[in-house]
Amino acid sequence: MTVSVTSPLSGSAQTGFTSPAFVLLTDTAPGINGKQVAVASATGTLPGTVTFHSVSNPFTHTFTKPVNIKVANSAVPSTGVIPPAGKNAYKLLTRKGVLRYSGAQPEVFTIDSTLSVPVGADTYDIANIRAALSAHIGYLQQVSAGLGDTLSSGVM
């Protein structure tokens, strides 16, 4: 299965948000190795003045994969010491325009999740890659509201 999101995208729990669902539009990613969607609108209760994608006030999600995927070398060197194989880095970047004060122009807040997969593990140990990914997303889902509260208050 490929990385793809469907619209509407169910938002995670946040203080004051009731059943948020974000309406997505397919967009063009900046590079040939990515997919991008823009958030056009939302349903549910969203406190405050939530804005949606525009040129000067972006709200996008961009998923990228490596331009050149590294593959594992199955040959063992004559020394018997297997060198590090490198990593294939996949990345999810969320960009959202935010205001720093009344009357200000939007500035971009970014959330960057990078998944660095050791070359060869994608074949040899996919179960543990999936377990790590499941736990990572579950962790983010579980602490979502708390993260929002911490970004607001600075208190963990």
N, C-alpha and C. Protein backbone atom coordinates (compact mmCIF):
# COMPACT_ATOMS: atom_id res chain seq x y z
N MET A 1 0.84 -1.18 0.00
CA MET A 1 0.00 0.00 0.00
C MET A 1 0.88 1.25 0.00
N THR A 2 0.45 2.25 -0.70
CA THR A 2 1.22 3.49 -0.77
C THR A 2 0.78 4.44 0.33
N VAL A 3 1.58 5.46 0.54
CA VAL A 3 1.21 6.50 1.50
C VAL A 3 0.18 7.39 0.82
N SER A 4 -1.00 7.41 1.37
CA SER A 4 -2.04 8.29 0.84
C SER A 4 -3.02 8.59 1.96
N VAL A 5 -3.57 9.76 1.91
CA VAL A 5 -4.58 10.15 2.89
C VAL A 5 -5.87 10.40 2.13
N THR A 6 -6.97 10.20 2.81
CA THR A 6 -8.26 10.45 2.19
C THR A 6 -8.92 11.63 2.89
N SER A 7 -9.77 12.27 2.15
CA SER A 7 -10.48 13.43 2.67
C SER A 7 -11.91 13.01 3.00
N PRO A 8 -12.41 13.40 4.16
CA PRO A 8 -11.78 14.23 5.17
C PRO A 8 -10.82 13.44 6.05
N LEU A 9 -9.83 14.13 6.59
CA LEU A 9 -8.84 13.56 7.49
C LEU A 9 -9.31 13.81 8.92
N SER A 10 -9.54 12.74 9.68
CA SER A 10 -9.99 12.89 11.07
C SER A 10 -8.85 13.47 11.90
N GLY A 11 -9.12 14.56 12.57
CA GLY A 11 -8.12 15.17 13.43
C GLY A 11 -8.06 14.46 14.76
N SER A 12 -6.93 14.57 15.44
CA SER A 12 -6.79 13.94 16.75
C SER A 12 -7.31 14.89 17.84
N ALA A 13 -7.45 14.34 19.03
CA ALA A 13 -8.00 15.10 20.15
C ALA A 13 -7.13 16.30 20.48
N GLN A 14 -7.75 17.44 20.65
CA GLN A 14 -7.11 18.65 21.12
C GLN A 14 -8.09 19.35 22.05
N THR A 15 -7.59 20.07 23.03
CA THR A 15 -8.45 20.80 23.94
C THR A 15 -9.31 21.79 23.16
N GLY A 16 -10.63 21.72 23.31
CA GLY A 16 -11.55 22.63 22.64
C GLY A 16 -11.96 22.20 21.25
N PHE A 17 -11.31 21.20 20.67
CA PHE A 17 -11.68 20.73 19.34
C PHE A 17 -12.66 19.57 19.50
N THR A 18 -13.78 19.63 18.80
CA THR A 18 -14.76 18.56 18.86
C THR A 18 -14.90 17.94 17.47
N SER A 19 -14.52 16.69 17.36
CA SER A 19 -14.62 15.91 16.11
C SER A 19 -14.11 16.66 14.89
N PRO A 20 -12.87 17.17 14.93
CA PRO A 20 -12.37 17.88 13.76
C PRO A 20 -12.13 16.93 12.59
N ALA A 21 -12.52 17.35 11.41
CA ALA A 21 -12.27 16.60 10.18
C ALA A 21 -11.82 17.62 9.14
N PHE A 22 -10.63 17.42 8.59
CA PHE A 22 -10.04 18.38 7.67
C PHE A 22 -10.25 17.94 6.22
N VAL A 23 -10.78 18.85 5.41
CA VAL A 23 -11.03 18.59 4.00
C VAL A 23 -9.73 18.87 3.23
N LEU A 24 -9.28 17.85 2.50
CA LEU A 24 -8.00 17.93 1.79
C LEU A 24 -8.18 18.07 0.29
N LEU A 25 -7.25 18.80 -0.32
CA LEU A 25 -7.17 18.90 -1.77
C LEU A 25 -5.80 18.39 -2.20
N THR A 26 -5.75 17.61 -3.27
CA THR A 26 -4.47 17.14 -3.79
C THR A 26 -3.70 18.34 -4.31
N ASP A 27 -2.43 18.43 -3.96
CA ASP A 27 -1.57 19.53 -4.37
C ASP A 27 -0.33 18.93 -5.01
N THR A 28 0.50 19.76 -5.60
CA THR A 28 1.74 19.31 -6.20
C THR A 28 2.87 19.51 -5.20
N ALA A 29 3.59 18.43 -4.93
CA ALA A 29 4.73 18.51 -4.01
C ALA A 29 5.88 19.27 -4.67
N PRO A 30 6.75 19.89 -3.88
CA PRO A 30 7.86 20.66 -4.44
C PRO A 30 8.86 19.81 -5.23
N GLY A 31 8.98 18.51 -4.92
CA GLY A 31 9.95 17.66 -5.62
C GLY A 31 9.26 16.47 -6.25
N ILE A 32 9.99 15.77 -7.11
CA ILE A 32 9.43 14.62 -7.81
C ILE A 32 9.22 13.43 -6.89
N ASN A 33 9.82 13.46 -5.71
CA ASN A 33 9.76 12.33 -4.78
C ASN A 33 8.73 12.52 -3.68
N GLY A 34 7.72 13.38 -3.91
CA GLY A 34 6.77 13.64 -2.83
C GLY A 34 5.33 13.69 -3.27
N LYS A 35 4.46 13.64 -2.27
CA LYS A 35 3.02 13.83 -2.43
C LYS A 35 2.63 14.93 -1.46
N GLN A 36 1.70 15.78 -1.88
CA GLN A 36 1.29 16.88 -1.01
C GLN A 36 -0.22 17.07 -1.08
N VAL A 37 -0.80 17.42 0.07
CA VAL A 37 -2.20 17.81 0.14
C VAL A 37 -2.27 19.15 0.86
N ALA A 38 -3.29 19.92 0.51
CA ALA A 38 -3.55 21.19 1.18
C ALA A 38 -4.85 21.06 1.96
N VAL A 39 -4.91 21.68 3.12
CA VAL A 39 -6.12 21.65 3.94
C VAL A 39 -6.99 22.83 3.53
N ALA A 40 -8.15 22.51 2.92
CA ALA A 40 -9.02 23.53 2.35
C ALA A 40 -10.07 24.05 3.33
N SER A 41 -10.54 23.18 4.21
CA SER A 41 -11.57 23.56 5.18
C SER A 41 -11.65 22.47 6.23
N ALA A 42 -12.59 22.65 7.16
CA ALA A 42 -12.76 21.64 8.21
C ALA A 42 -14.19 21.64 8.68
N THR A 43 -14.56 20.51 9.31
CA THR A 43 -15.85 20.42 9.97
C THR A 43 -15.58 20.12 11.44
N GLY A 44 -16.61 20.21 12.26
CA GLY A 44 -16.44 20.02 13.69
C GLY A 44 -16.23 21.36 14.35
N THR A 45 -16.05 21.33 15.66
CA THR A 45 -15.82 22.56 16.41
C THR A 45 -14.33 22.84 16.47
N LEU A 46 -13.92 24.01 15.98
CA LEU A 46 -12.52 24.44 16.02
C LEU A 46 -12.50 25.79 16.73
N PRO A 47 -11.94 25.85 17.94
CA PRO A 47 -11.96 27.10 18.69
C PRO A 47 -11.05 28.15 18.05
N GLY A 48 -11.36 29.41 18.30
CA GLY A 48 -10.54 30.48 17.74
C GLY A 48 -10.82 30.64 16.26
N THR A 49 -9.89 31.27 15.57
CA THR A 49 -10.03 31.50 14.14
C THR A 49 -9.03 30.63 13.41
N VAL A 50 -9.44 29.42 13.06
CA VAL A 50 -8.57 28.52 12.32
C VAL A 50 -8.64 28.91 10.86
N THR A 51 -7.48 29.09 10.24
CA THR A 51 -7.43 29.45 8.83
C THR A 51 -7.02 28.23 8.01
N PHE A 52 -7.31 28.31 6.72
CA PHE A 52 -7.02 27.19 5.84
C PHE A 52 -6.08 27.64 4.73
N HIS A 53 -5.64 26.72 3.92
CA HIS A 53 -4.55 26.96 2.98
C HIS A 53 -4.79 28.13 2.03
N SER A 54 -3.77 28.94 1.90
CA SER A 54 -3.69 29.97 0.86
C SER A 54 -2.20 30.15 0.57
N VAL A 55 -1.87 30.90 -0.47
CA VAL A 55 -0.47 31.10 -0.83
C VAL A 55 0.33 31.72 0.31
N SER A 56 -0.22 32.76 0.93
CA SER A 56 0.52 33.46 1.98
C SER A 56 0.29 32.89 3.37
N ASN A 57 -0.59 31.91 3.48
CA ASN A 57 -0.90 31.32 4.78
C ASN A 57 -1.08 29.81 4.58
N PRO A 58 0.03 29.08 4.41
CA PRO A 58 -0.08 27.67 4.02
C PRO A 58 -0.61 26.76 5.12
N PHE A 59 -1.23 25.68 4.67
CA PHE A 59 -1.64 24.58 5.54
C PHE A 59 -1.54 23.34 4.67
N THR A 60 -0.37 22.70 4.69
CA THR A 60 -0.11 21.56 3.81
C THR A 60 0.55 20.42 4.58
N HIS A 61 0.44 19.22 4.01
CA HIS A 61 1.16 18.04 4.48
C HIS A 61 1.92 17.50 3.26
N THR A 62 3.23 17.35 3.38
CA THR A 62 4.05 16.84 2.28
C THR A 62 4.78 15.59 2.75
N PHE A 63 4.58 14.49 2.04
CA PHE A 63 5.30 13.24 2.34
C PHE A 63 6.33 13.02 1.24
N THR A 64 7.60 12.78 1.63
CA THR A 64 8.65 12.53 0.65
C THR A 64 9.37 11.24 0.96
N LYS A 65 9.89 10.63 -0.10
CA LYS A 65 10.73 9.44 0.02
C LYS A 65 12.09 9.81 -0.55
N PRO A 66 13.11 8.98 -0.32
CA PRO A 66 14.43 9.29 -0.88
C PRO A 66 14.36 9.33 -2.41
N VAL A 67 15.11 10.23 -3.02
CA VAL A 67 15.17 10.31 -4.48
C VAL A 67 15.81 9.03 -5.03
N ASN A 68 16.86 8.60 -4.37
CA ASN A 68 17.54 7.35 -4.76
C ASN A 68 17.53 6.41 -3.55
N ILE A 69 16.71 5.37 -3.63
CA ILE A 69 16.60 4.43 -2.51
C ILE A 69 17.83 3.53 -2.48
N LYS A 70 18.44 3.46 -1.30
CA LYS A 70 19.61 2.60 -1.11
C LYS A 70 19.15 1.16 -0.93
N VAL A 71 19.93 0.22 -1.43
CA VAL A 71 19.60 -1.20 -1.24
C VAL A 71 20.75 -1.87 -0.50
N ALA A 72 20.42 -2.96 0.18
CA ALA A 72 21.43 -3.68 0.95
C ALA A 72 22.33 -4.50 0.04
N ASN A 73 23.59 -4.55 0.41
CA ASN A 73 24.55 -5.39 -0.30
C ASN A 73 24.60 -6.72 0.46
N SER A 74 24.27 -7.81 -0.23
CA SER A 74 24.21 -9.11 0.45
C SER A 74 25.58 -9.78 0.59
N ALA A 75 26.57 -9.23 -0.07
CA ALA A 75 27.91 -9.84 0.00
C ALA A 75 28.61 -9.43 1.30
N VAL A 76 29.22 -10.40 1.96
CA VAL A 76 29.99 -10.13 3.16
C VAL A 76 31.44 -9.86 2.72
N PRO A 77 32.02 -8.73 3.16
CA PRO A 77 33.39 -8.43 2.77
C PRO A 77 34.37 -9.51 3.25
N SER A 78 35.51 -9.59 2.61
CA SER A 78 36.51 -10.61 2.96
C SER A 78 36.98 -10.48 4.41
N THR A 79 36.86 -9.28 4.97
CA THR A 79 37.26 -9.07 6.37
C THR A 79 36.24 -9.67 7.34
N GLY A 80 35.04 -9.94 6.84
CA GLY A 80 33.98 -10.46 7.69
C GLY A 80 33.26 -9.38 8.48
N VAL A 81 33.72 -8.16 8.37
CA VAL A 81 33.10 -7.04 9.09
C VAL A 81 32.11 -6.36 8.14
N ILE A 82 30.86 -6.36 8.53
CA ILE A 82 29.84 -5.74 7.69
C ILE A 82 29.76 -4.25 8.04
N PRO A 83 30.03 -3.38 7.05
CA PRO A 83 30.00 -1.95 7.32
C PRO A 83 28.56 -1.43 7.44
N PRO A 84 28.38 -0.27 8.06
CA PRO A 84 27.04 0.33 8.12
C PRO A 84 26.51 0.53 6.70
N ALA A 85 25.24 0.31 6.52
CA ALA A 85 24.66 0.37 5.18
C ALA A 85 24.03 1.71 4.84
N GLY A 86 23.90 2.59 5.78
CA GLY A 86 23.21 3.84 5.52
C GLY A 86 21.73 3.70 5.83
N LYS A 87 20.99 4.76 5.57
CA LYS A 87 19.56 4.76 5.87
C LYS A 87 18.80 5.40 4.72
N ASN A 88 17.55 4.97 4.55
CA ASN A 88 16.62 5.61 3.63
C ASN A 88 15.69 6.47 4.48
N ALA A 89 15.68 7.77 4.23
CA ALA A 89 14.90 8.69 5.05
C ALA A 89 13.60 9.09 4.35
N TYR A 90 12.48 8.81 5.01
CA TYR A 90 11.16 9.22 4.57
C TYR A 90 10.73 10.35 5.50
N LYS A 91 9.96 11.31 4.98
CA LYS A 91 9.69 12.50 5.78
C LYS A 91 8.25 12.98 5.58
N LEU A 92 7.62 13.36 6.68
CA LEU A 92 6.32 14.02 6.63
C LEU A 92 6.50 15.42 7.19
N LEU A 93 6.20 16.42 6.38
CA LEU A 93 6.35 17.82 6.77
C LEU A 93 4.97 18.47 6.74
N THR A 94 4.57 19.02 7.87
CA THR A 94 3.33 19.79 7.94
C THR A 94 3.71 21.25 8.08
N ARG A 95 3.09 22.09 7.25
CA ARG A 95 3.32 23.54 7.30
C ARG A 95 1.99 24.23 7.56
N LYS A 96 1.99 25.18 8.50
CA LYS A 96 0.77 25.92 8.82
C LYS A 96 1.12 27.35 9.15
N GLY A 97 0.47 28.27 8.45
CA GLY A 97 0.66 29.68 8.76
C GLY A 97 0.06 30.02 10.11
N VAL A 98 0.81 30.76 10.92
CA VAL A 98 0.34 31.19 12.25
C VAL A 98 0.67 32.67 12.43
N LEU A 99 -0.10 33.33 13.28
CA LEU A 99 0.13 34.75 13.55
C LEU A 99 0.86 34.90 14.88
N ARG A 100 1.84 35.81 14.90
CA ARG A 100 2.57 36.06 16.16
C ARG A 100 1.91 37.15 16.99
N TYR A 101 1.15 38.04 16.34
CA TYR A 101 0.44 39.10 17.05
C TYR A 101 -0.61 39.67 16.11
N SER A 102 -1.53 40.46 16.64
CA SER A 102 -2.62 41.04 15.86
C SER A 102 -2.07 41.94 14.75
N GLY A 103 -2.55 41.75 13.55
CA GLY A 103 -2.11 42.56 12.42
C GLY A 103 -0.86 42.05 11.73
N ALA A 104 -0.28 41.00 12.26
CA ALA A 104 0.96 40.45 11.68
C ALA A 104 0.64 39.63 10.43
N GLN A 105 1.64 39.48 9.59
CA GLN A 105 1.54 38.57 8.47
C GLN A 105 1.81 37.15 8.99
N PRO A 106 1.18 36.13 8.40
CA PRO A 106 1.41 34.76 8.87
C PRO A 106 2.87 34.33 8.69
N GLU A 107 3.36 33.59 9.67
CA GLU A 107 4.67 32.95 9.57
C GLU A 107 4.43 31.45 9.63
N VAL A 108 5.35 30.67 9.06
CA VAL A 108 5.14 29.24 8.93
C VAL A 108 5.65 28.46 10.13
N PHE A 109 4.73 27.72 10.76
CA PHE A 109 5.02 26.76 11.83
C PHE A 109 5.19 25.42 11.13
N THR A 110 6.26 24.68 11.45
CA THR A 110 6.49 23.39 10.78
C THR A 110 6.54 22.25 11.79
N ILE A 111 6.06 21.11 11.36
CA ILE A 111 6.18 19.86 12.11
C ILE A 111 6.86 18.88 11.16
N ASP A 112 7.99 18.34 11.57
CA ASP A 112 8.81 17.51 10.70
C ASP A 112 9.04 16.15 11.35
N SER A 113 8.49 15.11 10.75
CA SER A 113 8.72 13.73 11.22
C SER A 113 9.55 13.03 10.17
N THR A 114 10.73 12.56 10.55
CA THR A 114 11.59 11.84 9.62
C THR A 114 11.73 10.40 10.10
N LEU A 115 11.56 9.47 9.17
CA LEU A 115 11.69 8.04 9.47
C LEU A 115 12.93 7.54 8.74
N SER A 116 13.99 7.25 9.47
CA SER A 116 15.26 6.81 8.88
C SER A 116 15.39 5.30 9.03
N VAL A 117 15.15 4.59 7.94
CA VAL A 117 15.14 3.13 7.94
C VAL A 117 16.51 2.61 7.54
N PRO A 118 17.19 1.84 8.40
CA PRO A 118 18.47 1.25 8.02
C PRO A 118 18.30 0.36 6.78
N VAL A 119 19.19 0.53 5.84
CA VAL A 119 19.13 -0.24 4.61
C VAL A 119 19.18 -1.74 4.94
N GLY A 120 18.26 -2.49 4.37
CA GLY A 120 18.19 -3.93 4.61
C GLY A 120 17.11 -4.31 5.61
N ALA A 121 16.83 -3.43 6.56
CA ALA A 121 15.80 -3.72 7.55
C ALA A 121 14.43 -3.79 6.91
N ASP A 122 14.25 -3.08 5.79
CA ASP A 122 12.97 -3.11 5.08
C ASP A 122 12.64 -4.50 4.56
N THR A 123 13.64 -5.34 4.39
CA THR A 123 13.45 -6.71 3.94
C THR A 123 13.56 -7.69 5.10
N TYR A 124 14.57 -7.51 5.93
CA TYR A 124 14.88 -8.48 6.97
C TYR A 124 14.01 -8.36 8.21
N ASP A 125 13.58 -7.13 8.57
CA ASP A 125 12.90 -6.95 9.86
C ASP A 125 11.72 -6.00 9.77
N ILE A 126 10.88 -6.18 8.76
CA ILE A 126 9.75 -5.28 8.57
C ILE A 126 8.77 -5.31 9.74
N ALA A 127 8.67 -6.45 10.44
CA ALA A 127 7.76 -6.52 11.59
C ALA A 127 8.13 -5.51 12.66
N ASN A 128 9.43 -5.35 12.93
CA ASN A 128 9.86 -4.38 13.94
C ASN A 128 9.77 -2.95 13.44
N ILE A 129 9.93 -2.75 12.14
CA ILE A 129 9.70 -1.41 11.58
C ILE A 129 8.23 -1.04 11.79
N ARG A 130 7.34 -1.97 11.45
CA ARG A 130 5.90 -1.71 11.63
C ARG A 130 5.55 -1.48 13.10
N ALA A 131 6.17 -2.25 14.00
CA ALA A 131 5.91 -2.09 15.44
C ALA A 131 6.34 -0.70 15.91
N ALA A 132 7.52 -0.26 15.47
CA ALA A 132 8.01 1.07 15.86
C ALA A 132 7.10 2.16 15.32
N LEU A 133 6.69 2.02 14.07
CA LEU A 133 5.81 3.01 13.45
C LEU A 133 4.46 3.05 14.15
N SER A 134 3.90 1.88 14.45
CA SER A 134 2.63 1.80 15.15
C SER A 134 2.72 2.49 16.51
N ALA A 135 3.78 2.20 17.24
CA ALA A 135 3.96 2.81 18.57
C ALA A 135 4.17 4.32 18.46
N HIS A 136 4.92 4.77 17.45
CA HIS A 136 5.20 6.19 17.25
C HIS A 136 3.90 6.96 16.98
N ILE A 137 3.11 6.45 16.04
CA ILE A 137 1.85 7.12 15.71
C ILE A 137 0.88 7.04 16.87
N GLY A 138 0.83 5.88 17.54
CA GLY A 138 -0.03 5.74 18.71
C GLY A 138 0.36 6.70 19.82
N TYR A 139 1.67 6.87 20.02
CA TYR A 139 2.16 7.82 21.02
C TYR A 139 1.70 9.23 20.68
N LEU A 140 1.90 9.63 19.41
CA LEU A 140 1.48 10.97 18.99
C LEU A 140 -0.03 11.14 19.14
N GLN A 141 -0.78 10.10 18.76
CA GLN A 141 -2.24 10.16 18.89
C GLN A 141 -2.65 10.30 20.35
N GLN A 142 -1.98 9.54 21.23
CA GLN A 142 -2.35 9.56 22.65
C GLN A 142 -1.98 10.88 23.32
N VAL A 143 -0.89 11.48 22.94
CA VAL A 143 -0.45 12.71 23.61
C VAL A 143 -0.82 13.97 22.83
N SER A 144 -1.61 13.82 21.77
CA SER A 144 -1.93 14.95 20.91
C SER A 144 -2.45 16.17 21.67
N ALA A 145 -3.48 15.98 22.47
CA ALA A 145 -4.05 17.11 23.21
C ALA A 145 -3.04 17.67 24.20
N GLY A 146 -2.29 16.80 24.86
CA GLY A 146 -1.26 17.25 25.80
C GLY A 146 -0.17 18.05 25.10
N LEU A 147 0.21 17.62 23.88
CA LEU A 147 1.21 18.39 23.13
C LEU A 147 0.68 19.79 22.82
N GLY A 148 -0.59 19.85 22.40
CA GLY A 148 -1.19 21.17 22.15
C GLY A 148 -1.18 22.02 23.38
N ASP A 149 -1.53 21.43 24.53
CA ASP A 149 -1.52 22.17 25.80
C ASP A 149 -0.09 22.63 26.14
N THR A 150 0.90 21.75 25.92
CA THR A 150 2.30 22.10 26.23
C THR A 150 2.80 23.21 25.32
N LEU A 151 2.44 23.17 24.01
CA LEU A 151 2.86 24.24 23.11
C LEU A 151 2.25 25.57 23.51
N SER A 152 1.09 25.54 24.17
CA SER A 152 0.42 26.76 24.62
C SER A 152 0.98 27.25 25.94
N SER A 153 1.23 26.33 26.88
CA SER A 153 1.62 26.73 28.24
C SER A 153 3.11 26.62 28.53
N GLY A 154 3.81 25.77 27.76
CA GLY A 154 5.22 25.53 28.03
C GLY A 154 5.44 24.54 29.17
N VAL A 155 4.36 24.00 29.70
CA VAL A 155 4.44 23.06 30.82
C VAL A 155 4.24 21.65 30.29
N MET A 156 5.17 20.74 30.70
CA MET A 156 5.03 19.34 30.28
C MET A 156 4.27 18.61 31.33
